[in-house]
Amino acid sequence: MKVAYVLNTPNAANYKIGEMILPQLESDSHGVEVVGIFFFDDNTMLLQKGNPKGERLAKIAAEKGMLLMMCDQCANQRGLASEKSEGGYTPEGTVDGVAVGCFPDLYGALSGNMPDQVISL
């Protein structure tokens, strides 16, 4: 089964992903294929360059082809994205492989590897 996580509650990235799901992904014991994680609000800060949990997650995401995407407005407000002159946003100061966008961008990014379930944490 393929799942995507949407992190929209406080501390979901640090605790639920960083302390629970990430170790399972690293040990290959999570039980499902995670195709993407979408970060809202302060959860985006996990993906800041130098964050140990974010760096570990980026490594696993690259190995497994997992999408890591931040809400564009949330990332911009926290200094993790900047607005492009032609529209849209680009990530900055993040771990490798992070995308930034809104729900239409998320849908497009997952369209080639659609999850069976989307789980909100």
PDB file of N, CA and C in Angstrom:
ATOM      1  N   MET A   1       0.843  -1.173   0.000  1.00  0.00           N
ATOM      2  CA  MET A   1       0.000   0.000   0.000  1.00  0.00           C
ATOM      3  C   MET A   1       0.893   1.243   0.000  1.00  0.00           C
ATOM      4  N   LYS A   2       0.462   2.257  -0.732  1.00  0.00           N
ATOM      5  CA  LYS A   2       1.170   3.531  -0.801  1.00  0.00           C
ATOM      6  C   LYS A   2       0.409   4.581  -0.004  1.00  0.00           C
ATOM      7  N   VAL A   3       1.148   5.357   0.815  1.00  0.00           N
ATOM      8  CA  VAL A   3       0.527   6.423   1.593  1.00  0.00           C
ATOM      9  C   VAL A   3       1.282   7.731   1.389  1.00  0.00           C
ATOM     10  N   ALA A   4       0.576   8.816   1.612  1.00  0.00           N
ATOM     11  CA  ALA A   4       1.171  10.145   1.684  1.00  0.00           C
ATOM     12  C   ALA A   4       0.716  10.749   3.003  1.00  0.00           C
ATOM     13  N   TYR A   5       1.607  11.466   3.651  1.00  0.00           N
ATOM     14  CA  TYR A   5       1.293  12.130   4.908  1.00  0.00           C
ATOM     15  C   TYR A   5       1.160  13.631   4.686  1.00  0.00           C
ATOM     16  N   VAL A   6       0.166  14.222   5.321  1.00  0.00           N
ATOM     17  CA  VAL A   6      -0.007  15.662   5.349  1.00  0.00           C
ATOM     18  C   VAL A   6       0.167  16.073   6.812  1.00  0.00           C
ATOM     19  N   LEU A   7       1.188  16.890   7.072  1.00  0.00           N
ATOM     20  CA  LEU A   7       1.522  17.272   8.443  1.00  0.00           C
ATOM     21  C   LEU A   7       0.914  18.630   8.753  1.00  0.00           C
ATOM     22  N   ASN A   8      -0.219  18.623   9.437  1.00  0.00           N
ATOM     23  CA  ASN A   8      -0.924  19.872   9.693  1.00  0.00           C
ATOM     24  C   ASN A   8      -1.211  20.138  11.167  1.00  0.00           C
ATOM     25  N   THR A   9      -0.693  19.323  12.061  1.00  0.00           N
ATOM     26  CA  THR A   9      -0.854  19.600  13.488  1.00  0.00           C
ATOM     27  C   THR A   9       0.510  19.971  14.075  1.00  0.00           C
ATOM     28  N   PRO A  10       0.506  20.770  15.140  1.00  0.00           N
ATOM     29  CA  PRO A  10       1.785  21.171  15.732  1.00  0.00           C
ATOM     30  C   PRO A  10       2.640  19.964  16.132  1.00  0.00           C
ATOM     31  N   ASN A  11       3.921  20.054  15.848  1.00  0.00           N
ATOM     32  CA  ASN A  11       4.915  19.056  16.231  1.00  0.00           C
ATOM     33  C   ASN A  11       4.788  17.730  15.482  1.00  0.00           C
ATOM     34  N   ALA A  12       3.954  17.677  14.467  1.00  0.00           N
ATOM     35  CA  ALA A  12       3.802  16.428  13.711  1.00  0.00           C
ATOM     36  C   ALA A  12       5.113  16.018  13.052  1.00  0.00           C
ATOM     37  N   ALA A  13       5.846  16.975  12.514  1.00  0.00           N
ATOM     38  CA  ALA A  13       7.103  16.639  11.826  1.00  0.00           C
ATOM     39  C   ALA A  13       8.147  16.166  12.829  1.00  0.00           C
ATOM     40  N   ASN A  14       8.350  16.934  13.874  1.00  0.00           N
ATOM     41  CA  ASN A  14       9.400  16.604  14.835  1.00  0.00           C
ATOM     42  C   ASN A  14       9.119  15.297  15.561  1.00  0.00           C
ATOM     43  N   TYR A  15       7.905  15.143  16.052  1.00  0.00           N
ATOM     44  CA  TYR A  15       7.614  13.958  16.857  1.00  0.00           C
ATOM     45  C   TYR A  15       7.100  12.776  16.025  1.00  0.00           C
ATOM     46  N   LYS A  16       5.992  12.970  15.324  1.00  0.00           N
ATOM     47  CA  LYS A  16       5.376  11.835  14.623  1.00  0.00           C
ATOM     48  C   LYS A  16       6.244  11.315  13.478  1.00  0.00           C
ATOM     49  N   ILE A  17       6.828  12.234  12.719  1.00  0.00           N
ATOM     50  CA  ILE A  17       7.727  11.793  11.646  1.00  0.00           C
ATOM     51  C   ILE A  17       9.113  11.499  12.220  1.00  0.00           C
ATOM     52  N   GLY A  18       9.697  12.491  12.914  1.00  0.00           N
ATOM     53  CA  GLY A  18      11.081  12.382  13.361  1.00  0.00           C
ATOM     54  C   GLY A  18      11.357  11.303  14.382  1.00  0.00           C
ATOM     55  N   GLU A  19      10.419  11.059  15.290  1.00  0.00           N
ATOM     56  CA  GLU A  19      10.640  10.081  16.367  1.00  0.00           C
ATOM     57  C   GLU A  19       9.977   8.731  16.112  1.00  0.00           C
ATOM     58  N   MET A  20       8.931   8.712  15.299  1.00  0.00           N
ATOM     59  CA  MET A  20       8.202   7.459  15.108  1.00  0.00           C
ATOM     60  C   MET A  20       8.403   6.887  13.704  1.00  0.00           C
ATOM     61  N   ILE A  21       8.025   7.648  12.686  1.00  0.00           N
ATOM     62  CA  ILE A  21       8.011   7.118  11.322  1.00  0.00           C
ATOM     63  C   ILE A  21       9.407   7.045  10.712  1.00  0.00           C
ATOM     64  N   LEU A  22      10.233   8.073  10.904  1.00  0.00           N
ATOM     65  CA  LEU A  22      11.579   8.075  10.323  1.00  0.00           C
ATOM     66  C   LEU A  22      12.405   6.864  10.746  1.00  0.00           C
ATOM     67  N   PRO A  23      12.464   6.512  12.032  1.00  0.00           N
ATOM     68  CA  PRO A  23      13.221   5.306  12.395  1.00  0.00           C
ATOM     69  C   PRO A  23      12.675   4.035  11.727  1.00  0.00           C
ATOM     70  N   GLN A  24      11.356   3.980  11.553  1.00  0.00           N
ATOM     71  CA  GLN A  24      10.761   2.820  10.869  1.00  0.00           C
ATOM     72  C   GLN A  24      11.162   2.794   9.401  1.00  0.00           C
ATOM     73  N   LEU A  25      11.184   3.969   8.758  1.00  0.00           N
ATOM     74  CA  LEU A  25      11.616   4.036   7.359  1.00  0.00           C
ATOM     75  C   LEU A  25      13.075   3.622   7.232  1.00  0.00           C
ATOM     76  N   GLU A  26      13.894   4.070   8.171  1.00  0.00           N
ATOM     77  CA  GLU A  26      15.326   3.736   8.128  1.00  0.00           C
ATOM     78  C   GLU A  26      15.574   2.255   8.338  1.00  0.00           C
ATOM     79  N   SER A  27      14.737   1.616   9.135  1.00  0.00           N
ATOM     80  CA  SER A  27      14.913   0.175   9.387  1.00  0.00           C
ATOM     81  C   SER A  27      14.063  -0.685   8.463  1.00  0.00           C
ATOM     82  N   ASP A  28      13.380  -0.058   7.517  1.00  0.00           N
ATOM     83  CA  ASP A  28      12.514  -0.759   6.560  1.00  0.00           C
ATOM     84  C   ASP A  28      11.403  -1.542   7.252  1.00  0.00           C
ATOM     85  N   SER A  29      10.867  -0.981   8.338  1.00  0.00           N
ATOM     86  CA  SER A  29       9.820  -1.674   9.091  1.00  0.00           C
ATOM     87  C   SER A  29       8.520  -0.877   9.186  1.00  0.00           C
ATOM     88  N   HIS A  30       8.347   0.134   8.355  1.00  0.00           N
ATOM     89  CA  HIS A  30       7.151   0.974   8.446  1.00  0.00           C
ATOM     90  C   HIS A  30       5.894   0.244   7.972  1.00  0.00           C
ATOM     91  N   GLY A  31       6.038  -0.694   7.074  1.00  0.00           N
ATOM     92  CA  GLY A  31       4.902  -1.522   6.665  1.00  0.00           C
ATOM     93  C   GLY A  31       4.157  -1.058   5.438  1.00  0.00           C
ATOM     94  N   VAL A  32       4.371   0.182   5.002  1.00  0.00           N
ATOM     95  CA  VAL A  32       3.769   0.700   3.781  1.00  0.00           C
ATOM     96  C   VAL A  32       4.823   1.523   3.047  1.00  0.00           C
ATOM     97  N   GLU A  33       4.573   1.810   1.792  1.00  0.00           N
ATOM     98  CA  GLU A  33       5.454   2.672   1.018  1.00  0.00           C
ATOM     99  C   GLU A  33       4.976   4.115   1.164  1.00  0.00           C
ATOM    100  N   VAL A  34       5.834   4.963   1.670  1.00  0.00           N
ATOM    101  CA  VAL A  34       5.506   6.386   1.795  1.00  0.00           C
ATOM    102  C   VAL A  34       5.951   7.067   0.506  1.00  0.00           C
ATOM    103  N   VAL A  35       4.984   7.607  -0.243  1.00  0.00           N
ATOM    104  CA  VAL A  35       5.310   8.241  -1.525  1.00  0.00           C
ATOM    105  C   VAL A  35       5.502   9.746  -1.392  1.00  0.00           C
ATOM    106  N   GLY A  36       5.017  10.330  -0.293  1.00  0.00           N
ATOM    107  CA  GLY A  36       5.189  11.760  -0.126  1.00  0.00           C
ATOM    108  C   GLY A  36       4.795  12.234   1.256  1.00  0.00           C
ATOM    109  N   ILE A  37       5.397  13.373   1.646  1.00  0.00           N
ATOM    110  CA  ILE A  37       5.046  14.041   2.895  1.00  0.00           C
ATOM    111  C   ILE A  37       4.912  15.525   2.581  1.00  0.00           C
ATOM    112  N   PHE A  38       3.782  16.115   2.971  1.00  0.00           N
ATOM    113  CA  PHE A  38       3.509  17.532   2.741  1.00  0.00           C
ATOM    114  C   PHE A  38       3.510  18.240   4.090  1.00  0.00           C
ATOM    115  N   PHE A  39       4.325  19.290   4.217  1.00  0.00           N
ATOM    116  CA  PHE A  39       4.587  19.974   5.478  1.00  0.00           C
ATOM    117  C   PHE A  39       3.886  21.329   5.531  1.00  0.00           C
ATOM    118  N   PHE A  40       3.085  21.552   6.579  1.00  0.00           N
ATOM    119  CA  PHE A  40       2.433  22.832   6.824  1.00  0.00           C
ATOM    120  C   PHE A  40       3.033  23.508   8.061  1.00  0.00           C
ATOM    121  N   ASP A  41       2.856  24.820   8.134  1.00  0.00           N
ATOM    122  CA  ASP A  41       3.150  25.633   9.313  1.00  0.00           C
ATOM    123  C   ASP A  41       4.575  25.380   9.810  1.00  0.00           C
ATOM    124  N   ASP A  42       4.754  25.303  11.142  1.00  0.00           N
ATOM    125  CA  ASP A  42       6.094  25.124  11.699  1.00  0.00           C
ATOM    126  C   ASP A  42       6.695  23.757  11.382  1.00  0.00           C
ATOM    127  N   ASN A  43       5.883  22.832  10.907  1.00  0.00           N
ATOM    128  CA  ASN A  43       6.415  21.532  10.504  1.00  0.00           C
ATOM    129  C   ASN A  43       7.462  21.681   9.400  1.00  0.00           C
ATOM    130  N   THR A  44       7.383  22.762   8.625  1.00  0.00           N
ATOM    131  CA  THR A  44       8.365  22.988   7.556  1.00  0.00           C
ATOM    132  C   THR A  44       9.785  23.105   8.106  1.00  0.00           C
ATOM    133  N   MET A  45       9.919  23.529   9.353  1.00  0.00           N
ATOM    134  CA  MET A  45      11.245  23.761   9.928  1.00  0.00           C
ATOM    135  C   MET A  45      12.070  22.483  10.053  1.00  0.00           C
ATOM    136  N   LEU A  46      11.427  21.327  10.032  1.00  0.00           N
ATOM    137  CA  LEU A  46      12.173  20.070  10.041  1.00  0.00           C
ATOM    138  C   LEU A  46      13.068  19.979   8.815  1.00  0.00           C
ATOM    139  N   LEU A  47      12.657  20.623   7.726  1.00  0.00           N
ATOM    140  CA  LEU A  47      13.394  20.530   6.464  1.00  0.00           C
ATOM    141  C   LEU A  47      14.467  21.602   6.311  1.00  0.00           C
ATOM    142  N   GLN A  48      14.713  22.373   7.359  1.00  0.00           N
ATOM    143  CA  GLN A  48      15.763  23.386   7.307  1.00  0.00           C
ATOM    144  C   GLN A  48      17.128  22.702   7.270  1.00  0.00           C
ATOM    145  N   LYS A  49      17.987  23.176   6.387  1.00  0.00           N
ATOM    146  CA  LYS A  49      19.334  22.613   6.250  1.00  0.00           C
ATOM    147  C   LYS A  49      20.005  22.569   7.617  1.00  0.00           C
ATOM    148  N   GLY A  50      20.611  21.437   7.932  1.00  0.00           N
ATOM    149  CA  GLY A  50      21.295  21.256   9.206  1.00  0.00           C
ATOM    150  C   GLY A  50      20.451  20.615  10.283  1.00  0.00           C
ATOM    151  N   ASN A  51      19.130  20.522  10.093  1.00  0.00           N
ATOM    152  CA  ASN A  51      18.289  19.849  11.075  1.00  0.00           C
ATOM    153  C   ASN A  51      18.579  18.347  10.980  1.00  0.00           C
ATOM    154  N   PRO A  52      19.059  17.708  12.050  1.00  0.00           N
ATOM    155  CA  PRO A  52      19.450  16.301  11.955  1.00  0.00           C
ATOM    156  C   PRO A  52      18.348  15.363  11.470  1.00  0.00           C
ATOM    157  N   LYS A  53      17.134  15.552  11.966  1.00  0.00           N
ATOM    158  CA  LYS A  53      16.029  14.688  11.526  1.00  0.00           C
ATOM    159  C   LYS A  53      15.690  14.966  10.067  1.00  0.00           C
ATOM    160  N   GLY A  54      15.716  16.239   9.676  1.00  0.00           N
ATOM    161  CA  GLY A  54      15.454  16.595   8.293  1.00  0.00           C
ATOM    162  C   GLY A  54      16.498  16.031   7.345  1.00  0.00           C
ATOM    163  N   GLU A  55      17.748  16.067   7.751  1.00  0.00           N
ATOM    164  CA  GLU A  55      18.829  15.514   6.920  1.00  0.00           C
ATOM    165  C   GLU A  55      18.660  14.004   6.756  1.00  0.00           C
ATOM    166  N   ARG A  56      18.295  13.328   7.840  1.00  0.00           N
ATOM    167  CA  ARG A  56      18.044  11.877   7.757  1.00  0.00           C
ATOM    168  C   ARG A  56      16.851  11.588   6.850  1.00  0.00           C
ATOM    169  N   LEU A  57      15.791  12.383   6.989  1.00  0.00           N
ATOM    170  CA  LEU A  57      14.603  12.191   6.163  1.00  0.00           C
ATOM    171  C   LEU A  57      14.915  12.434   4.690  1.00  0.00           C
ATOM    172  N   ALA A  58      15.700  13.462   4.396  1.00  0.00           N
ATOM    173  CA  ALA A  58      16.076  13.752   3.009  1.00  0.00           C
ATOM    174  C   ALA A  58      16.857  12.594   2.403  1.00  0.00           C
ATOM    175  N   LYS A  59      17.725  11.982   3.189  1.00  0.00           N
ATOM    176  CA  LYS A  59      18.505  10.833   2.701  1.00  0.00           C
ATOM    177  C   LYS A  59      17.576   9.665   2.353  1.00  0.00           C
ATOM    178  N   ILE A  60      16.656   9.362   3.248  1.00  0.00           N
ATOM    179  CA  ILE A  60      15.694   8.266   3.004  1.00  0.00           C
ATOM    180  C   ILE A  60      14.811   8.596   1.804  1.00  0.00           C
ATOM    181  N   ALA A  61      14.358   9.840   1.719  1.00  0.00           N
ATOM    182  CA  ALA A  61      13.495  10.248   0.603  1.00  0.00           C
ATOM    183  C   ALA A  61      14.212  10.069  -0.724  1.00  0.00           C
ATOM    184  N   ALA A  62      15.480  10.434  -0.789  1.00  0.00           N
ATOM    185  CA  ALA A  62      16.246  10.273  -2.024  1.00  0.00           C
ATOM    186  C   ALA A  62      16.406   8.797  -2.379  1.00  0.00           C
ATOM    187  N   GLU A  63      16.667   7.979  -1.387  1.00  0.00           N
ATOM    188  CA  GLU A  63      16.842   6.540  -1.618  1.00  0.00           C
ATOM    189  C   GLU A  63      15.557   5.882  -2.098  1.00  0.00           C
ATOM    190  N   LYS A  64      14.417   6.320  -1.559  1.00  0.00           N
ATOM    191  CA  LYS A  64      13.138   5.660  -1.835  1.00  0.00           C
ATOM    192  C   LYS A  64      12.271   6.392  -2.859  1.00  0.00           C
ATOM    193  N   GLY A  65      12.739   7.527  -3.368  1.00  0.00           N
ATOM    194  CA  GLY A  65      11.949   8.276  -4.335  1.00  0.00           C
ATOM    195  C   GLY A  65      10.723   8.928  -3.729  1.00  0.00           C
ATOM    196  N   MET A  66      10.833   9.361  -2.493  1.00  0.00           N
ATOM    197  CA  MET A  66       9.723   9.954  -1.747  1.00  0.00           C
ATOM    198  C   MET A  66       9.707  11.476  -1.934  1.00  0.00           C
ATOM    199  N   LEU A  67       8.540  12.024  -2.161  1.00  0.00           N
ATOM    200  CA  LEU A  67       8.368  13.459  -2.295  1.00  0.00           C
ATOM    201  C   LEU A  67       8.352  14.119  -0.915  1.00  0.00           C
ATOM    202  N   LEU A  68       9.157  15.162  -0.760  1.00  0.00           N
ATOM    203  CA  LEU A  68       9.100  16.025   0.415  1.00  0.00           C
ATOM    204  C   LEU A  68       8.718  17.403  -0.094  1.00  0.00           C
ATOM    205  N   MET A  69       7.542  17.895   0.294  1.00  0.00           N
ATOM    206  CA  MET A  69       7.066  19.188  -0.197  1.00  0.00           C
ATOM    207  C   MET A  69       6.550  20.032   0.955  1.00  0.00           C
ATOM    208  N   MET A  70       6.924  21.321   0.923  1.00  0.00           N
ATOM    209  CA  MET A  70       6.455  22.284   1.916  1.00  0.00           C
ATOM    210  C   MET A  70       5.380  23.161   1.303  1.00  0.00           C
ATOM    211  N   CYS A  71       4.405  23.550   2.113  1.00  0.00           N
ATOM    212  CA  CYS A  71       3.433  24.567   1.712  1.00  0.00           C
ATOM    213  C   CYS A  71       4.206  25.830   1.354  1.00  0.00           C
ATOM    214  N   ASP A  72       3.950  26.386   0.181  1.00  0.00           N
ATOM    215  CA  ASP A  72       4.723  27.542  -0.278  1.00  0.00           C
ATOM    216  C   ASP A  72       4.607  28.742   0.651  1.00  0.00           C
ATOM    217  N   GLN A  73       3.405  29.082   1.082  1.00  0.00           N
ATOM    218  CA  GLN A  73       3.206  30.231   1.965  1.00  0.00           C
ATOM    219  C   GLN A  73       3.827  29.988   3.342  1.00  0.00           C
ATOM    220  N   CYS A  74       3.678  28.775   3.857  1.00  0.00           N
ATOM    221  CA  CYS A  74       4.254  28.436   5.166  1.00  0.00           C
ATOM    222  C   CYS A  74       5.773  28.530   5.121  1.00  0.00           C
ATOM    223  N   ALA A  75       6.364  28.007   4.060  1.00  0.00           N
ATOM    224  CA  ALA A  75       7.817  28.036   3.906  1.00  0.00           C
ATOM    225  C   ALA A  75       8.314  29.467   3.723  1.00  0.00           C
ATOM    226  N   ASN A  76       7.609  30.248   2.934  1.00  0.00           N
ATOM    227  CA  ASN A  76       7.999  31.639   2.701  1.00  0.00           C
ATOM    228  C   ASN A  76       7.975  32.437   4.007  1.00  0.00           C
ATOM    229  N   GLN A  77       6.943  32.249   4.806  1.00  0.00           N
ATOM    230  CA  GLN A  77       6.821  32.964   6.077  1.00  0.00           C
ATOM    231  C   GLN A  77       7.936  32.610   7.059  1.00  0.00           C
ATOM    232  N   ARG A  78       8.554  31.448   6.878  1.00  0.00           N
ATOM    233  CA  ARG A  78       9.600  30.987   7.792  1.00  0.00           C
ATOM    234  C   ARG A  78      10.996  31.093   7.185  1.00  0.00           C
ATOM    235  N   GLY A  79      11.094  31.760   6.050  1.00  0.00           N
ATOM    236  CA  GLY A  79      12.391  31.964   5.425  1.00  0.00           C
ATOM    237  C   GLY A  79      12.963  30.745   4.732  1.00  0.00           C
ATOM    238  N   LEU A  80      12.099  29.771   4.406  1.00  0.00           N
ATOM    239  CA  LEU A  80      12.552  28.546   3.744  1.00  0.00           C
ATOM    240  C   LEU A  80      12.191  28.519   2.260  1.00  0.00           C
ATOM    241  N   ALA A  81      11.635  29.604   1.747  1.00  0.00           N
ATOM    242  CA  ALA A  81      11.303  29.721   0.330  1.00  0.00           C
ATOM    243  C   ALA A  81      11.257  31.191  -0.030  1.00  0.00           C
ATOM    244  N   SER A  82      11.477  31.459  -1.296  1.00  0.00           N
ATOM    245  CA  SER A  82      11.356  32.833  -1.778  1.00  0.00           C
ATOM    246  C   SER A  82      10.515  32.829  -3.044  1.00  0.00           C
ATOM    247  N   GLU A  83       9.813  33.932  -3.228  1.00  0.00           N
ATOM    248  CA  GLU A  83       8.931  34.061  -4.385  1.00  0.00           C
ATOM    249  C   GLU A  83       9.755  34.341  -5.631  1.00  0.00           C
ATOM    250  N   LYS A  84       9.435  33.627  -6.712  1.00  0.00           N
ATOM    251  CA  LYS A  84      10.109  33.840  -7.990  1.00  0.00           C
ATOM    252  C   LYS A  84       9.418  34.983  -8.725  1.00  0.00           C
ATOM    253  N   SER A  85      10.167  35.702  -9.528  1.00  0.00           N
ATOM    254  CA  SER A  85       9.601  36.842 -10.260  1.00  0.00           C
ATOM    255  C   SER A  85       8.509  36.402 -11.232  1.00  0.00           C
ATOM    256  N   GLU A  86       8.607  35.204 -11.756  1.00  0.00           N
ATOM    257  CA  GLU A  86       7.599  34.706 -12.701  1.00  0.00           C
ATOM    258  C   GLU A  86       6.448  33.972 -12.006  1.00  0.00           C
ATOM    259  N   GLY A  87       6.422  34.021 -10.691  1.00  0.00           N
ATOM    260  CA  GLY A  87       5.370  33.357  -9.933  1.00  0.00           C
ATOM    261  C   GLY A  87       5.857  32.056  -9.330  1.00  0.00           C
ATOM    262  N   GLY A  88       5.211  31.632  -8.302  1.00  0.00           N
ATOM    263  CA  GLY A  88       5.618  30.418  -7.606  1.00  0.00           C
ATOM    264  C   GLY A  88       6.739  30.704  -6.623  1.00  0.00           C
ATOM    265  N   TYR A  89       7.245  29.672  -6.006  1.00  0.00           N
ATOM    266  CA  TYR A  89       8.273  29.793  -4.977  1.00  0.00           C
ATOM    267  C   TYR A  89       9.375  28.785  -5.221  1.00  0.00           C
ATOM    268  N   THR A  90      10.526  29.075  -4.675  1.00  0.00           N
ATOM    269  CA  THR A  90      11.652  28.152  -4.730  1.00  0.00           C
ATOM    270  C   THR A  90      12.160  27.937  -3.306  1.00  0.00           C
ATOM    271  N   PRO A  91      12.474  26.695  -2.947  1.00  0.00           N
ATOM    272  CA  PRO A  91      12.972  26.456  -1.595  1.00  0.00           C
ATOM    273  C   PRO A  91      14.364  27.067  -1.413  1.00  0.00           C
ATOM    274  N   GLU A  92      14.668  27.488  -0.192  1.00  0.00           N
ATOM    275  CA  GLU A  92      16.021  27.968   0.103  1.00  0.00           C
ATOM    276  C   GLU A  92      16.358  27.658   1.557  1.00  0.00           C
ATOM    277  N   GLY A  93      17.595  27.253   1.765  1.00  0.00           N
ATOM    278  CA  GLY A  93      18.044  26.912   3.110  1.00  0.00           C
ATOM    279  C   GLY A  93      17.448  25.624   3.635  1.00  0.00           C
ATOM    280  N   THR A  94      17.111  24.720   2.714  1.00  0.00           N
ATOM    281  CA  THR A  94      16.491  23.454   3.106  1.00  0.00           C
ATOM    282  C   THR A  94      17.445  22.292   2.838  1.00  0.00           C
ATOM    283  N   VAL A  95      17.088  21.144   3.385  1.00  0.00           N
ATOM    284  CA  VAL A  95      17.801  19.914   3.070  1.00  0.00           C
ATOM    285  C   VAL A  95      17.622  19.625   1.579  1.00  0.00           C
ATOM    286  N   ASP A  96      18.424  18.754   1.041  1.00  0.00           N
ATOM    287  CA  ASP A  96      18.365  18.431  -0.383  1.00  0.00           C
ATOM    288  C   ASP A  96      17.048  17.768  -0.776  1.00  0.00           C
ATOM    289  N   GLY A  97      16.595  18.078  -1.974  1.00  0.00           N
ATOM    290  CA  GLY A  97      15.464  17.391  -2.568  1.00  0.00           C
ATOM    291  C   GLY A  97      14.091  17.880  -2.170  1.00  0.00           C
ATOM    292  N   VAL A  98      13.995  19.018  -1.526  1.00  0.00           N
ATOM    293  CA  VAL A  98      12.704  19.524  -1.063  1.00  0.00           C
ATOM    294  C   VAL A  98      12.028  20.344  -2.160  1.00  0.00           C
ATOM    295  N   ALA A  99      10.735  20.130  -2.316  1.00  0.00           N
ATOM    296  CA  ALA A  99       9.923  20.923  -3.237  1.00  0.00           C
ATOM    297  C   ALA A  99       9.044  21.851  -2.411  1.00  0.00           C
ATOM    298  N   VAL A 100       8.523  22.864  -3.070  1.00  0.00           N
ATOM    299  CA  VAL A 100       7.639  23.805  -2.397  1.00  0.00           C
ATOM    300  C   VAL A 100       6.474  24.101  -3.330  1.00  0.00           C
ATOM    301  N   GLY A 101       5.264  24.172  -2.767  1.00  0.00           N
ATOM    302  CA  GLY A 101       4.106  24.429  -3.615  1.00  0.00           C
ATOM    303  C   GLY A 101       2.820  24.409  -2.821  1.00  0.00           C
ATOM    304  N   CYS A 102       1.731  24.426  -3.566  1.00  0.00           N
ATOM    305  CA  CYS A 102       0.394  24.397  -2.991  1.00  0.00           C
ATOM    306  C   CYS A 102      -0.263  23.073  -3.397  1.00  0.00           C
ATOM    307  N   PHE A 103      -1.502  22.865  -2.998  1.00  0.00           N
ATOM    308  CA  PHE A 103      -2.138  21.579  -3.290  1.00  0.00           C
ATOM    309  C   PHE A 103      -2.112  21.201  -4.767  1.00  0.00           C
ATOM    310  N   PRO A 104      -2.373  22.100  -5.712  1.00  0.00           N
ATOM    311  CA  PRO A 104      -2.270  21.681  -7.121  1.00  0.00           C
ATOM    312  C   PRO A 104      -0.873  21.161  -7.483  1.00  0.00           C
ATOM    313  N   ASP A 105       0.164  21.760  -6.884  1.00  0.00           N
ATOM    314  CA  ASP A 105       1.532  21.280  -7.119  1.00  0.00           C
ATOM    315  C   ASP A 105       1.735  19.904  -6.505  1.00  0.00           C
ATOM    316  N   LEU A 106       1.173  19.702  -5.328  1.00  0.00           N
ATOM    317  CA  LEU A 106       1.258  18.396  -4.675  1.00  0.00           C
ATOM    318  C   LEU A 106       0.598  17.325  -5.528  1.00  0.00           C
ATOM    319  N   TYR A 107      -0.603  17.622  -6.023  1.00  0.00           N
ATOM    320  CA  TYR A 107      -1.309  16.648  -6.864  1.00  0.00           C
ATOM    321  C   TYR A 107      -0.484  16.297  -8.097  1.00  0.00           C
ATOM    322  N   GLY A 108       0.089  17.322  -8.719  1.00  0.00           N
ATOM    323  CA  GLY A 108       0.909  17.084  -9.902  1.00  0.00           C
ATOM    324  C   GLY A 108       2.142  16.265  -9.587  1.00  0.00           C
ATOM    325  N   ALA A 109       2.789  16.576  -8.471  1.00  0.00           N
ATOM    326  CA  ALA A 109       4.013  15.869  -8.093  1.00  0.00           C
ATOM    327  C   ALA A 109       3.745  14.406  -7.753  1.00  0.00           C
ATOM    328  N   LEU A 110       2.577  14.120  -7.203  1.00  0.00           N
ATOM    329  CA  LEU A 110       2.234  12.737  -6.851  1.00  0.00           C
ATOM    330  C   LEU A 110       1.554  11.978  -7.988  1.00  0.00           C
ATOM    331  N   SER A 111       1.207  12.656  -9.062  1.00  0.00           N
ATOM    332  CA  SER A 111       0.408  12.021 -10.119  1.00  0.00           C
ATOM    333  C   SER A 111       1.081  10.804 -10.743  1.00  0.00           C
ATOM    334  N   GLY A 112       2.391  10.766 -10.743  1.00  0.00           N
ATOM    335  CA  GLY A 112       3.087   9.600 -11.299  1.00  0.00           C
ATOM    336  C   GLY A 112       3.264   8.474 -10.307  1.00  0.00           C
ATOM    337  N   ASN A 113       2.922   8.694  -9.054  1.00  0.00           N
ATOM    338  CA  ASN A 113       3.072   7.686  -7.998  1.00  0.00           C
ATOM    339  C   ASN A 113       2.007   7.927  -6.935  1.00  0.00           C
ATOM    340  N   MET A 114       0.749   7.778  -7.353  1.00  0.00           N
ATOM    341  CA  MET A 114      -0.388   8.124  -6.502  1.00  0.00           C
ATOM    342  C   MET A 114      -0.480   7.233  -5.263  1.00  0.00           C
ATOM    343  N   PRO A 115      -0.746   7.865  -4.105  1.00  0.00           N
ATOM    344  CA  PRO A 115      -0.952   7.080  -2.900  1.00  0.00           C
ATOM    345  C   PRO A 115      -2.331   6.415  -2.906  1.00  0.00           C
ATOM    346  N   ASP A 116      -2.434   5.321  -2.182  1.00  0.00           N
ATOM    347  CA  ASP A 116      -3.726   4.679  -1.966  1.00  0.00           C
ATOM    348  C   ASP A 116      -4.488   5.388  -0.858  1.00  0.00           C
ATOM    349  N   GLN A 117      -3.754   5.965   0.076  1.00  0.00           N
ATOM    350  CA  GLN A 117      -4.368   6.698   1.181  1.00  0.00           C
ATOM    351  C   GLN A 117      -3.541   7.931   1.488  1.00  0.00           C
ATOM    352  N   VAL A 118      -4.235   8.996   1.911  1.00  0.00           N
ATOM    353  CA  VAL A 118      -3.592  10.202   2.410  1.00  0.00           C
ATOM    354  C   VAL A 118      -3.933  10.288   3.892  1.00  0.00           C
ATOM    355  N   ILE A 119      -2.899  10.414   4.708  1.00  0.00           N
ATOM    356  CA  ILE A 119      -3.072  10.411   6.151  1.00  0.00           C
ATOM    357  C   ILE A 119      -2.657  11.775   6.689  1.00  0.00           C
ATOM    358  N   SER A 120      -3.542  12.383   7.443  1.00  0.00           N
ATOM    359  CA  SER A 120      -3.278  13.671   8.056  1.00  0.00           C
ATOM    360  C   SER A 120      -2.760  13.461   9.469  1.00  0.00           C
ATOM    361  N   LEU A 121      -1.618  14.033   9.760  1.00  0.00           N
ATOM    362  CA  LEU A 121      -1.027  13.923  11.096  1.00  0.00           C
ATOM    363  C   LEU A 121      -0.924  15.303  11.710  1.00  0.00           C
TER     364      LEU A 121
END
